[in-house]
Amino acid sequence: MLRNQFDALRVAMKTLAEQIIEVKLSCQTPDGLPDTSYKGEVIANLMLSYRHMEDASMRIGKAIQAYEGGRSVYDNKPTGAVKTPIGE
């Protein structure tokens, strides 16, 4: 049951993200914003909102992963750190 709630949250976030993009596109039309608006600021904040929705969806995905006892595929990959003889 909890997994269904996680999935519902991700669907809601995706829907909201799509709506944010629709609003952004509407703002970019000639009649989208009044002349007194700070168009760049409006669009920038809408894009930030979209990115936050993407991040929130990813975080719910990480919660699902933890809930299911899984590990990230990145947990087993080397970090790319190189051992050097300095200080040995």
N, C-alpha and C. Protein backbone atom coordinates (compact mmCIF):
# COMPACT_ATOMS: atom_id res chain seq x y z
N MET A 1 0.82 -1.20 0.00
CA MET A 1 0.00 0.00 0.00
C MET A 1 0.86 1.26 0.00
N LEU A 2 1.92 1.27 0.78
CA LEU A 2 2.80 2.43 0.83
C LEU A 2 3.45 2.66 -0.53
N ARG A 3 3.82 1.61 -1.23
CA ARG A 3 4.43 1.75 -2.55
C ARG A 3 3.46 2.45 -3.50
N ASN A 4 2.17 2.15 -3.39
CA ASN A 4 1.18 2.82 -4.23
C ASN A 4 1.14 4.32 -3.94
N GLN A 5 1.31 4.68 -2.68
CA GLN A 5 1.34 6.10 -2.32
C GLN A 5 2.58 6.78 -2.90
N PHE A 6 3.72 6.09 -2.84
CA PHE A 6 4.95 6.62 -3.45
C PHE A 6 4.72 6.87 -4.94
N ASP A 7 4.16 5.86 -5.61
CA ASP A 7 3.94 5.97 -7.05
C ASP A 7 2.97 7.11 -7.38
N ALA A 8 1.93 7.26 -6.56
CA ALA A 8 0.96 8.33 -6.78
C ALA A 8 1.62 9.71 -6.64
N LEU A 9 2.53 9.83 -5.68
CA LEU A 9 3.26 11.09 -5.52
C LEU A 9 4.09 11.40 -6.76
N ARG A 10 4.76 10.40 -7.28
CA ARG A 10 5.59 10.62 -8.47
C ARG A 10 4.74 11.01 -9.68
N VAL A 11 3.58 10.40 -9.82
CA VAL A 11 2.68 10.76 -10.92
C VAL A 11 2.21 12.21 -10.75
N ALA A 12 1.85 12.57 -9.53
CA ALA A 12 1.40 13.94 -9.27
C ALA A 12 2.51 14.94 -9.56
N MET A 13 3.74 14.61 -9.20
CA MET A 13 4.86 15.51 -9.45
C MET A 13 5.12 15.66 -10.95
N LYS A 14 5.03 14.56 -11.68
CA LYS A 14 5.22 14.62 -13.12
C LYS A 14 4.13 15.47 -13.76
N THR A 15 2.89 15.31 -13.32
CA THR A 15 1.79 16.11 -13.85
C THR A 15 2.02 17.58 -13.56
N LEU A 16 2.43 17.90 -12.34
CA LEU A 16 2.70 19.28 -11.96
C LEU A 16 3.85 19.85 -12.79
N ALA A 17 4.88 19.07 -13.00
CA ALA A 17 6.02 19.51 -13.80
C ALA A 17 5.57 19.84 -15.23
N GLU A 18 4.70 19.01 -15.79
CA GLU A 18 4.18 19.27 -17.14
C GLU A 18 3.35 20.55 -17.16
N GLN A 19 2.58 20.78 -16.12
CA GLN A 19 1.77 22.01 -16.04
C GLN A 19 2.66 23.24 -15.93
N ILE A 20 3.75 23.12 -15.20
CA ILE A 20 4.69 24.24 -15.08
C ILE A 20 5.26 24.60 -16.45
N ILE A 21 5.64 23.60 -17.23
CA ILE A 21 6.16 23.85 -18.57
C ILE A 21 5.10 24.50 -19.45
N GLU A 22 3.85 24.06 -19.34
CA GLU A 22 2.76 24.67 -20.10
C GLU A 22 2.62 26.16 -19.76
N VAL A 23 2.71 26.48 -18.46
CA VAL A 23 2.61 27.88 -18.03
C VAL A 23 3.80 28.67 -18.59
N LYS A 24 4.98 28.09 -18.51
CA LYS A 24 6.18 28.76 -19.03
C LYS A 24 6.01 29.07 -20.52
N LEU A 25 5.54 28.08 -21.28
CA LEU A 25 5.35 28.29 -22.71
C LEU A 25 4.30 29.37 -22.97
N SER A 26 3.26 29.40 -22.15
CA SER A 26 2.23 30.45 -22.28
C SER A 26 2.82 31.83 -22.00
N CYS A 27 3.73 31.90 -21.05
CA CYS A 27 4.36 33.18 -20.71
C CYS A 27 5.24 33.69 -21.85
N GLN A 28 5.72 32.78 -22.67
CA GLN A 28 6.63 33.16 -23.74
C GLN A 28 5.91 33.61 -25.02
N THR A 29 4.60 33.55 -25.04
CA THR A 29 3.85 34.03 -26.19
C THR A 29 3.74 35.55 -26.10
N PRO A 30 3.48 36.21 -27.23
CA PRO A 30 3.38 37.68 -27.21
C PRO A 30 2.34 38.22 -26.23
N ASP A 31 1.26 37.49 -26.04
CA ASP A 31 0.21 37.95 -25.13
C ASP A 31 0.31 37.30 -23.75
N GLY A 32 1.38 36.59 -23.47
CA GLY A 32 1.49 35.81 -22.25
C GLY A 32 1.61 36.60 -20.96
N LEU A 33 2.40 37.64 -20.97
CA LEU A 33 2.63 38.43 -19.76
C LEU A 33 2.36 39.90 -20.04
N PRO A 34 1.87 40.63 -19.03
CA PRO A 34 1.70 42.07 -19.23
C PRO A 34 3.06 42.75 -19.39
N ASP A 35 3.06 43.90 -20.02
CA ASP A 35 4.32 44.62 -20.26
C ASP A 35 5.04 45.00 -18.98
N THR A 36 4.31 45.09 -17.88
CA THR A 36 4.92 45.50 -16.61
C THR A 36 5.63 44.33 -15.91
N SER A 37 5.53 43.14 -16.46
CA SER A 37 6.14 41.96 -15.82
C SER A 37 7.62 41.90 -16.10
N TYR A 38 8.34 41.27 -15.20
CA TYR A 38 9.74 40.95 -15.40
C TYR A 38 9.79 39.56 -16.03
N LYS A 39 9.66 39.52 -17.36
CA LYS A 39 9.51 38.27 -18.10
C LYS A 39 10.63 37.27 -17.77
N GLY A 40 11.86 37.73 -17.78
CA GLY A 40 12.99 36.84 -17.51
C GLY A 40 12.91 36.21 -16.13
N GLU A 41 12.49 37.00 -15.17
CA GLU A 41 12.38 36.52 -13.79
C GLU A 41 11.25 35.50 -13.66
N VAL A 42 10.15 35.76 -14.33
CA VAL A 42 9.01 34.83 -14.30
C VAL A 42 9.44 33.49 -14.88
N ILE A 43 10.06 33.52 -16.05
CA ILE A 43 10.46 32.28 -16.73
C ILE A 43 11.53 31.55 -15.93
N ALA A 44 12.50 32.29 -15.39
CA ALA A 44 13.56 31.65 -14.60
C ALA A 44 12.98 30.94 -13.39
N ASN A 45 12.03 31.56 -12.71
CA ASN A 45 11.44 30.93 -11.53
C ASN A 45 10.56 29.74 -11.90
N LEU A 46 9.91 29.80 -13.04
CA LEU A 46 9.15 28.64 -13.49
C LEU A 46 10.08 27.47 -13.79
N MET A 47 11.22 27.76 -14.41
CA MET A 47 12.18 26.68 -14.69
C MET A 47 12.75 26.10 -13.39
N LEU A 48 13.01 26.95 -12.42
CA LEU A 48 13.46 26.45 -11.11
C LEU A 48 12.40 25.56 -10.48
N SER A 49 11.15 25.98 -10.61
CA SER A 49 10.06 25.16 -10.08
C SER A 49 10.02 23.80 -10.75
N TYR A 50 10.20 23.79 -12.06
CA TYR A 50 10.22 22.53 -12.82
C TYR A 50 11.36 21.64 -12.33
N ARG A 51 12.53 22.22 -12.16
CA ARG A 51 13.68 21.44 -11.70
C ARG A 51 13.47 20.90 -10.29
N HIS A 52 12.80 21.65 -9.46
CA HIS A 52 12.49 21.18 -8.11
C HIS A 52 11.53 19.99 -8.16
N MET A 53 10.60 20.01 -9.10
CA MET A 53 9.69 18.87 -9.26
C MET A 53 10.47 17.64 -9.71
N GLU A 54 11.42 17.83 -10.64
CA GLU A 54 12.25 16.71 -11.07
C GLU A 54 13.05 16.15 -9.90
N ASP A 55 13.62 17.05 -9.09
CA ASP A 55 14.41 16.63 -7.95
C ASP A 55 13.53 15.92 -6.92
N ALA A 56 12.35 16.45 -6.67
CA ALA A 56 11.45 15.83 -5.70
C ALA A 56 11.04 14.43 -6.16
N SER A 57 10.80 14.27 -7.44
CA SER A 57 10.45 12.95 -7.98
C SER A 57 11.61 11.98 -7.80
N MET A 58 12.83 12.46 -8.04
CA MET A 58 14.01 11.61 -7.85
C MET A 58 14.16 11.23 -6.39
N ARG A 59 13.89 12.16 -5.48
CA ARG A 59 14.00 11.86 -4.04
C ARG A 59 12.95 10.83 -3.62
N ILE A 60 11.75 10.91 -4.18
CA ILE A 60 10.75 9.88 -3.89
C ILE A 60 11.25 8.53 -4.42
N GLY A 61 11.89 8.55 -5.58
CA GLY A 61 12.48 7.33 -6.12
C GLY A 61 13.52 6.75 -5.17
N LYS A 62 14.33 7.61 -4.57
CA LYS A 62 15.32 7.15 -3.59
C LYS A 62 14.62 6.60 -2.34
N ALA A 63 13.51 7.20 -1.95
CA ALA A 63 12.74 6.68 -0.81
C ALA A 63 12.19 5.30 -1.14
N ILE A 64 11.70 5.11 -2.37
CA ILE A 64 11.22 3.80 -2.80
C ILE A 64 12.35 2.78 -2.74
N GLN A 65 13.49 3.20 -3.23
CA GLN A 65 14.66 2.32 -3.22
C GLN A 65 15.01 1.89 -1.80
N ALA A 66 15.03 2.83 -0.88
CA ALA A 66 15.33 2.50 0.52
C ALA A 66 14.24 1.64 1.14
N TYR A 67 13.00 1.96 0.83
CA TYR A 67 11.85 1.20 1.34
C TYR A 67 11.95 -0.27 0.92
N GLU A 68 12.40 -0.49 -0.31
CA GLU A 68 12.50 -1.85 -0.83
C GLU A 68 13.84 -2.51 -0.47
N GLY A 69 14.63 -1.83 0.33
CA GLY A 69 15.89 -2.41 0.79
C GLY A 69 16.99 -2.43 -0.25
N GLY A 70 16.78 -1.69 -1.33
CA GLY A 70 17.75 -1.70 -2.42
C GLY A 70 18.90 -0.74 -2.20
N ARG A 71 19.89 -0.94 -3.02
CA ARG A 71 21.04 -0.05 -3.03
C ARG A 71 21.14 0.59 -4.39
N SER A 72 21.74 1.74 -4.45
CA SER A 72 21.94 2.41 -5.72
C SER A 72 22.98 1.65 -6.54
N VAL A 73 22.83 1.68 -7.84
CA VAL A 73 23.83 1.05 -8.70
C VAL A 73 25.17 1.77 -8.55
N TYR A 74 25.14 2.99 -8.09
CA TYR A 74 26.37 3.75 -7.90
C TYR A 74 27.12 3.37 -6.62
N ASP A 75 26.48 2.65 -5.71
CA ASP A 75 27.12 2.27 -4.46
C ASP A 75 28.32 1.35 -4.69
N ASN A 76 28.31 0.60 -5.76
CA ASN A 76 29.37 -0.37 -6.01
C ASN A 76 30.39 0.10 -7.04
N LYS A 77 30.24 1.30 -7.55
CA LYS A 77 31.18 1.80 -8.56
C LYS A 77 32.31 2.55 -7.89
N PRO A 78 33.51 2.44 -8.44
CA PRO A 78 34.63 3.21 -7.87
C PRO A 78 34.40 4.71 -8.08
N THR A 79 34.96 5.50 -7.20
CA THR A 79 34.76 6.94 -7.26
C THR A 79 35.71 7.61 -8.24
N GLY A 80 36.68 6.88 -8.72
CA GLY A 80 37.63 7.46 -9.64
C GLY A 80 38.83 8.05 -8.93
N ALA A 81 38.86 7.91 -7.61
CA ALA A 81 40.00 8.42 -6.85
C ALA A 81 41.25 7.61 -7.20
N VAL A 82 42.34 8.30 -7.33
CA VAL A 82 43.60 7.66 -7.68
C VAL A 82 44.51 7.70 -6.47
N LYS A 83 45.07 6.55 -6.12
CA LYS A 83 46.02 6.51 -5.01
C LYS A 83 47.37 7.00 -5.52
N THR A 84 47.97 7.87 -4.72
CA THR A 84 49.28 8.40 -5.09
C THR A 84 50.26 8.09 -3.97
N PRO A 85 51.55 8.08 -4.30
CA PRO A 85 52.55 7.77 -3.27
C PRO A 85 52.82 8.94 -2.32
N ILE A 86 52.15 10.06 -2.48
CA ILE A 86 52.39 11.23 -1.63
C ILE A 86 51.98 10.89 -0.20
N GLY A 87 52.85 11.17 0.73
CA GLY A 87 52.56 10.96 2.13
C GLY A 87 52.76 9.53 2.59
N GLU A 88 53.25 8.69 1.75
CA GLU A 88 53.47 7.30 2.16
C GLU A 88 54.87 7.11 2.66
